[in-house]
């Protein structure tokens, strides 16, 4: 019986890594060993970046809401507490969009939050 060699699968595996490393600087896109290291590292950065993007956007939304609240004589934490008591279940992304696009509606929300807090 003939012996099966792994050359075909090895070549396919290596070419896959080299395709992923296409566009990398210098030998990282040409040599398999350095390309593999670069691809692994970039995969880790991409994984971490997907988590960081969520954090960054939440921080941005909170900053925008806070700015809108300050314009209406309120701070962020009391505003969010007031909305919770009032039963308004808008998420931070939508609240920030309202604060930017429709200041009148955001003012109405702050008044609703103040009324719920009894201020």
N, C-alpha and C. Protein backbone atom coordinates (compact mmCIF):
# COMPACT_ATOMS: atom_id res chain seq x y z
N UNK A 1 0.84 -1.19 0.00
CA UNK A 1 0.00 0.00 0.00
C UNK A 1 0.89 1.25 0.00
N UNK A 2 0.49 2.24 -0.77
CA UNK A 2 1.29 3.46 -0.90
C UNK A 2 1.21 4.32 0.36
N UNK A 3 2.32 4.97 0.67
CA UNK A 3 2.37 5.84 1.84
C UNK A 3 1.80 7.20 1.46
N UNK A 4 0.94 7.71 2.33
CA UNK A 4 0.33 9.02 2.07
C UNK A 4 1.20 10.10 2.69
N UNK A 5 1.53 11.06 1.88
CA UNK A 5 2.35 12.16 2.37
C UNK A 5 1.48 13.40 2.63
N UNK A 6 1.92 14.23 3.50
CA UNK A 6 1.10 15.39 3.90
C UNK A 6 1.44 16.68 3.19
N UNK A 7 2.16 16.61 2.10
CA UNK A 7 2.63 17.82 1.44
C UNK A 7 1.49 18.72 0.97
N UNK A 8 0.44 18.14 0.43
CA UNK A 8 -0.67 18.92 -0.10
C UNK A 8 -1.35 19.72 1.01
N UNK A 9 -1.68 19.07 2.11
CA UNK A 9 -2.38 19.75 3.21
C UNK A 9 -1.47 20.78 3.89
N UNK A 10 -0.18 20.45 4.00
CA UNK A 10 0.77 21.39 4.60
C UNK A 10 0.85 22.65 3.77
N UNK A 11 0.95 22.49 2.45
CA UNK A 11 1.02 23.64 1.55
C UNK A 11 -0.25 24.48 1.63
N UNK A 12 -1.42 23.82 1.67
CA UNK A 12 -2.69 24.54 1.76
C UNK A 12 -2.76 25.35 3.05
N UNK A 13 -2.35 24.71 4.16
CA UNK A 13 -2.38 25.37 5.47
C UNK A 13 -1.45 26.59 5.49
N UNK A 14 -0.27 26.43 4.90
CA UNK A 14 0.70 27.53 4.88
C UNK A 14 0.23 28.66 3.97
N UNK A 15 -0.34 28.31 2.85
CA UNK A 15 -0.85 29.34 1.94
C UNK A 15 -2.00 30.12 2.55
N UNK A 16 -2.80 29.42 3.34
CA UNK A 16 -3.91 30.09 4.03
C UNK A 16 -3.38 31.17 4.97
N UNK A 17 -2.36 30.83 5.74
CA UNK A 17 -1.74 31.79 6.65
C UNK A 17 -1.12 32.95 5.87
N UNK A 18 -0.43 32.64 4.78
CA UNK A 18 0.21 33.68 3.98
C UNK A 18 -0.82 34.60 3.32
N UNK A 19 -1.98 34.05 2.95
CA UNK A 19 -3.05 34.89 2.42
C UNK A 19 -3.58 35.83 3.49
N UNK A 20 -3.69 35.33 4.73
CA UNK A 20 -4.16 36.17 5.83
C UNK A 20 -3.18 37.30 6.13
N UNK A 21 -1.88 37.02 5.88
CA UNK A 21 -0.83 38.00 6.17
C UNK A 21 -0.56 38.94 5.00
N UNK A 22 -1.35 38.85 3.96
CA UNK A 22 -1.14 39.68 2.77
C UNK A 22 -1.26 41.15 3.17
N UNK A 23 -0.29 41.95 2.75
CA UNK A 23 -0.30 43.37 3.07
C UNK A 23 0.50 43.73 4.30
N UNK A 24 0.98 42.74 5.02
CA UNK A 24 1.80 43.01 6.20
C UNK A 24 3.18 43.49 5.75
N UNK A 25 3.88 44.19 6.62
CA UNK A 25 5.16 44.81 6.30
C UNK A 25 6.29 43.78 6.24
N UNK A 26 7.12 43.91 5.23
CA UNK A 26 8.36 43.13 5.14
C UNK A 26 8.14 41.63 5.07
N UNK A 27 8.97 40.90 5.84
CA UNK A 27 8.96 39.45 5.77
C UNK A 27 7.71 38.83 6.41
N UNK A 28 6.94 39.65 7.13
CA UNK A 28 5.72 39.12 7.76
C UNK A 28 4.70 38.66 6.74
N UNK A 29 4.83 39.15 5.52
CA UNK A 29 3.89 38.71 4.48
C UNK A 29 4.50 37.68 3.54
N UNK A 30 5.79 37.38 3.72
CA UNK A 30 6.48 36.49 2.79
C UNK A 30 6.89 35.15 3.43
N UNK A 31 7.39 35.20 4.64
CA UNK A 31 7.91 34.01 5.30
C UNK A 31 6.86 33.41 6.22
N UNK A 32 6.72 32.09 6.15
CA UNK A 32 5.64 31.42 6.87
C UNK A 32 5.74 31.62 8.38
N UNK A 33 6.94 31.44 8.94
CA UNK A 33 7.09 31.50 10.39
C UNK A 33 6.71 32.87 10.95
N UNK A 34 7.24 33.92 10.34
CA UNK A 34 6.92 35.27 10.81
C UNK A 34 5.47 35.64 10.50
N UNK A 35 4.97 35.16 9.37
CA UNK A 35 3.59 35.43 9.00
C UNK A 35 2.64 34.80 10.00
N UNK A 36 2.94 33.57 10.41
CA UNK A 36 2.09 32.87 11.38
C UNK A 36 2.04 33.63 12.70
N UNK A 37 3.19 34.10 13.16
CA UNK A 37 3.24 34.87 14.41
C UNK A 37 2.44 36.16 14.29
N UNK A 38 2.61 36.84 13.15
CA UNK A 38 1.91 38.11 12.93
C UNK A 38 0.40 37.90 12.85
N UNK A 39 -0.02 36.84 12.19
CA UNK A 39 -1.46 36.55 12.06
C UNK A 39 -2.05 36.21 13.42
N UNK A 40 -1.33 35.43 14.21
CA UNK A 40 -1.82 35.09 15.55
C UNK A 40 -1.97 36.34 16.42
N UNK A 41 -0.96 37.21 16.36
CA UNK A 41 -0.99 38.44 17.16
C UNK A 41 -2.11 39.36 16.69
N UNK A 42 -2.27 39.47 15.38
CA UNK A 42 -3.32 40.35 14.86
C UNK A 42 -4.71 39.81 15.21
N UNK A 43 -4.82 38.47 15.26
CA UNK A 43 -6.08 37.87 15.69
C UNK A 43 -6.41 38.21 17.13
N UNK A 44 -5.39 38.21 17.98
CA UNK A 44 -5.59 38.60 19.38
C UNK A 44 -6.00 40.06 19.49
N UNK A 45 -5.33 40.92 18.72
CA UNK A 45 -5.68 42.34 18.75
C UNK A 45 -7.11 42.55 18.26
N UNK A 46 -7.51 41.82 17.24
CA UNK A 46 -8.86 41.96 16.70
C UNK A 46 -9.90 41.52 17.73
N UNK A 47 -9.61 40.44 18.44
CA UNK A 47 -10.52 39.94 19.47
C UNK A 47 -10.67 40.96 20.59
N UNK A 48 -9.54 41.49 21.05
CA UNK A 48 -9.57 42.49 22.12
C UNK A 48 -10.28 43.75 21.64
N UNK A 49 -10.02 44.13 20.37
CA UNK A 49 -10.62 45.34 19.80
C UNK A 49 -12.13 45.27 19.73
N UNK A 50 -12.68 44.08 19.49
CA UNK A 50 -14.14 43.94 19.45
C UNK A 50 -14.75 44.21 20.81
N UNK A 51 -14.03 43.85 21.87
CA UNK A 51 -14.51 44.12 23.23
C UNK A 51 -14.36 45.61 23.55
N UNK A 52 -13.22 46.20 23.16
CA UNK A 52 -12.96 47.60 23.46
C UNK A 52 -13.93 48.53 22.74
N UNK A 53 -14.33 48.14 21.52
CA UNK A 53 -15.26 48.98 20.76
C UNK A 53 -16.57 49.16 21.53
N UNK A 54 -17.04 48.10 22.16
CA UNK A 54 -18.28 48.18 22.94
C UNK A 54 -18.12 49.16 24.11
N UNK A 55 -16.96 49.07 24.79
CA UNK A 55 -16.67 49.98 25.90
C UNK A 55 -16.60 51.42 25.44
N UNK A 56 -15.90 51.63 24.32
CA UNK A 56 -15.70 52.98 23.81
C UNK A 56 -17.01 53.64 23.42
N UNK A 57 -17.87 52.88 22.76
CA UNK A 57 -19.16 53.45 22.35
C UNK A 57 -20.02 53.77 23.57
N UNK A 58 -20.03 52.90 24.56
CA UNK A 58 -20.81 53.17 25.77
C UNK A 58 -20.32 54.45 26.44
N UNK A 59 -18.98 54.62 26.48
CA UNK A 59 -18.41 55.82 27.06
C UNK A 59 -18.83 57.08 26.28
N UNK A 60 -18.84 56.97 24.96
CA UNK A 60 -19.24 58.08 24.10
C UNK A 60 -20.71 58.45 24.35
N UNK A 61 -21.57 57.42 24.40
CA UNK A 61 -22.99 57.67 24.62
C UNK A 61 -23.22 58.35 25.97
N UNK A 62 -22.54 57.89 27.01
CA UNK A 62 -22.70 58.46 28.34
C UNK A 62 -22.24 59.92 28.35
N UNK A 63 -21.14 60.21 27.65
CA UNK A 63 -20.63 61.59 27.56
C UNK A 63 -21.65 62.49 26.89
N UNK A 64 -22.26 62.01 25.81
CA UNK A 64 -23.26 62.80 25.10
C UNK A 64 -24.50 63.05 25.95
N UNK A 65 -24.96 62.00 26.63
CA UNK A 65 -26.13 62.14 27.50
C UNK A 65 -25.83 63.12 28.63
N UNK A 66 -24.65 63.01 29.20
CA UNK A 66 -24.23 63.88 30.29
C UNK A 66 -24.22 65.34 29.85
N UNK A 67 -23.72 65.60 28.65
CA UNK A 67 -23.70 66.97 28.12
C UNK A 67 -25.12 67.50 27.95
N UNK A 68 -26.02 66.66 27.46
CA UNK A 68 -27.42 67.06 27.31
C UNK A 68 -28.09 67.32 28.65
N UNK A 69 -27.73 66.52 29.63
CA UNK A 69 -28.30 66.71 30.98
C UNK A 69 -27.83 68.02 31.60
N UNK A 70 -26.55 68.29 31.47
CA UNK A 70 -25.99 69.53 32.04
C UNK A 70 -26.63 70.77 31.41
N UNK A 71 -26.96 70.68 30.12
CA UNK A 71 -27.64 71.79 29.44
C UNK A 71 -29.03 72.01 30.01
N UNK A 72 -29.59 70.98 30.61
CA UNK A 72 -30.93 71.08 31.21
C UNK A 72 -30.88 71.13 32.74
N UNK A 73 -29.72 71.43 33.29
CA UNK A 73 -29.59 71.62 34.74
C UNK A 73 -29.72 70.34 35.54
N UNK A 74 -29.12 69.29 35.09
CA UNK A 74 -29.22 67.99 35.76
C UNK A 74 -27.92 67.25 35.54
N UNK A 75 -27.59 66.29 36.39
CA UNK A 75 -26.42 65.48 36.09
C UNK A 75 -26.86 64.10 35.61
N UNK A 76 -25.90 63.37 35.07
CA UNK A 76 -26.18 62.11 34.38
C UNK A 76 -26.84 61.07 35.30
N UNK A 77 -26.26 60.89 36.49
CA UNK A 77 -26.74 59.81 37.36
C UNK A 77 -28.17 60.05 37.84
N UNK A 78 -28.50 61.30 38.20
CA UNK A 78 -29.87 61.58 38.64
C UNK A 78 -30.85 61.45 37.47
N UNK A 79 -30.39 61.84 36.28
CA UNK A 79 -31.23 61.70 35.08
C UNK A 79 -31.57 60.24 34.82
N UNK A 80 -30.55 59.39 34.85
CA UNK A 80 -30.79 57.96 34.59
C UNK A 80 -31.66 57.34 35.68
N UNK A 81 -31.45 57.76 36.92
CA UNK A 81 -32.28 57.27 38.03
C UNK A 81 -33.72 57.73 37.84
N UNK A 82 -33.91 58.98 37.45
CA UNK A 82 -35.25 59.51 37.22
C UNK A 82 -35.98 58.78 36.10
N UNK A 83 -35.25 58.47 35.04
CA UNK A 83 -35.86 57.72 33.94
C UNK A 83 -36.27 56.32 34.37
N UNK A 84 -35.43 55.71 35.20
CA UNK A 84 -35.73 54.36 35.69
C UNK A 84 -37.00 54.37 36.54
N UNK A 85 -37.10 55.36 37.41
CA UNK A 85 -38.29 55.48 38.27
C UNK A 85 -39.53 55.79 37.43
N UNK A 86 -39.35 56.63 36.40
CA UNK A 86 -40.47 57.00 35.52
C UNK A 86 -40.90 55.86 34.60
N UNK A 87 -40.07 54.83 34.50
CA UNK A 87 -40.41 53.68 33.66
C UNK A 87 -40.05 53.87 32.19
N UNK A 88 -39.13 54.78 31.91
CA UNK A 88 -38.67 54.99 30.54
C UNK A 88 -37.53 54.01 30.29
N UNK A 89 -37.69 53.13 29.31
CA UNK A 89 -36.69 52.09 29.07
C UNK A 89 -35.94 52.31 27.76
N UNK A 90 -35.42 53.52 27.58
CA UNK A 90 -34.59 53.79 26.40
C UNK A 90 -33.15 53.46 26.74
N UNK A 91 -32.45 52.83 25.81
CA UNK A 91 -31.04 52.53 26.08
C UNK A 91 -30.17 53.76 25.84
N UNK A 92 -28.91 53.67 26.26
CA UNK A 92 -28.02 54.82 26.20
C UNK A 92 -27.74 55.27 24.77
N UNK A 93 -27.71 54.32 23.85
CA UNK A 93 -27.46 54.67 22.44
C UNK A 93 -28.57 55.57 21.91
N UNK A 94 -29.81 55.20 22.18
CA UNK A 94 -30.94 55.98 21.70
C UNK A 94 -31.03 57.32 22.43
N UNK A 95 -30.74 57.32 23.72
CA UNK A 95 -30.76 58.58 24.47
C UNK A 95 -29.73 59.56 23.92
N UNK A 96 -28.54 59.05 23.57
CA UNK A 96 -27.51 59.94 23.02
C UNK A 96 -27.92 60.47 21.65
N UNK A 97 -28.56 59.64 20.85
CA UNK A 97 -29.04 60.09 19.54
C UNK A 97 -30.11 61.17 19.70
N UNK A 98 -31.00 60.99 20.67
CA UNK A 98 -32.03 62.00 20.93
C UNK A 98 -31.39 63.30 21.40
N UNK A 99 -30.39 63.18 22.28
CA UNK A 99 -29.70 64.37 22.80
C UNK A 99 -29.06 65.18 21.68
N UNK A 100 -28.54 64.50 20.65
CA UNK A 100 -27.89 65.20 19.53
C UNK A 100 -28.92 65.72 18.52
N UNK A 101 -29.82 64.84 18.09
CA UNK A 101 -30.70 65.15 16.97
C UNK A 101 -31.93 65.97 17.36
N UNK A 102 -32.46 65.74 18.57
CA UNK A 102 -33.72 66.39 18.96
C UNK A 102 -33.63 66.91 20.39
N UNK A 103 -32.99 68.08 20.58
CA UNK A 103 -32.83 68.61 21.94
C UNK A 103 -34.14 68.88 22.66
N UNK A 104 -35.19 69.20 21.91
CA UNK A 104 -36.50 69.47 22.54
C UNK A 104 -37.05 68.19 23.19
N UNK A 105 -36.93 67.08 22.49
CA UNK A 105 -37.40 65.81 23.04
C UNK A 105 -36.56 65.40 24.24
N UNK A 106 -35.25 65.70 24.19
CA UNK A 106 -34.38 65.37 25.32
C UNK A 106 -34.74 66.22 26.54
N UNK A 107 -35.10 67.48 26.30
CA UNK A 107 -35.55 68.35 27.40
C UNK A 107 -36.82 67.79 28.04
N UNK A 108 -37.71 67.28 27.19
CA UNK A 108 -38.94 66.66 27.71
C UNK A 108 -38.62 65.43 28.57
N UNK A 109 -37.62 64.67 28.15
CA UNK A 109 -37.20 63.50 28.93
C UNK A 109 -36.61 63.92 30.28
N UNK A 110 -35.83 65.00 30.27
CA UNK A 110 -35.26 65.46 31.55
C UNK A 110 -36.35 65.96 32.48
N UNK A 111 -37.36 66.63 31.92
CA UNK A 111 -38.50 67.09 32.74
C UNK A 111 -39.25 65.89 33.32
N UNK A 112 -39.38 64.85 32.53
CA UNK A 112 -40.06 63.64 32.99
C UNK A 112 -39.26 62.97 34.12
N UNK A 113 -37.96 62.98 33.98
CA UNK A 113 -37.09 62.41 35.01
C UNK A 113 -37.16 63.23 36.30
N UNK A 114 -37.18 64.55 36.17
CA UNK A 114 -37.28 65.44 37.33
C UNK A 114 -38.63 65.23 38.04
N UNK A 115 -39.69 65.08 37.27
CA UNK A 115 -41.02 64.87 37.85
C UNK A 115 -41.07 63.54 38.61
N UNK A 116 -40.44 62.53 38.07
CA UNK A 116 -40.43 61.21 38.73
C UNK A 116 -39.63 61.27 40.04
N UNK A 117 -38.62 62.08 40.07
CA UNK A 117 -37.81 62.22 41.30
C UNK A 117 -38.46 63.16 42.32
N UNK A 118 -39.44 63.94 41.83
CA UNK A 118 -40.15 64.86 42.73
C UNK A 118 -39.38 66.15 42.96
N UNK A 119 -38.62 66.59 41.98
CA UNK A 119 -37.85 67.84 42.13
C UNK A 119 -38.52 68.97 41.40
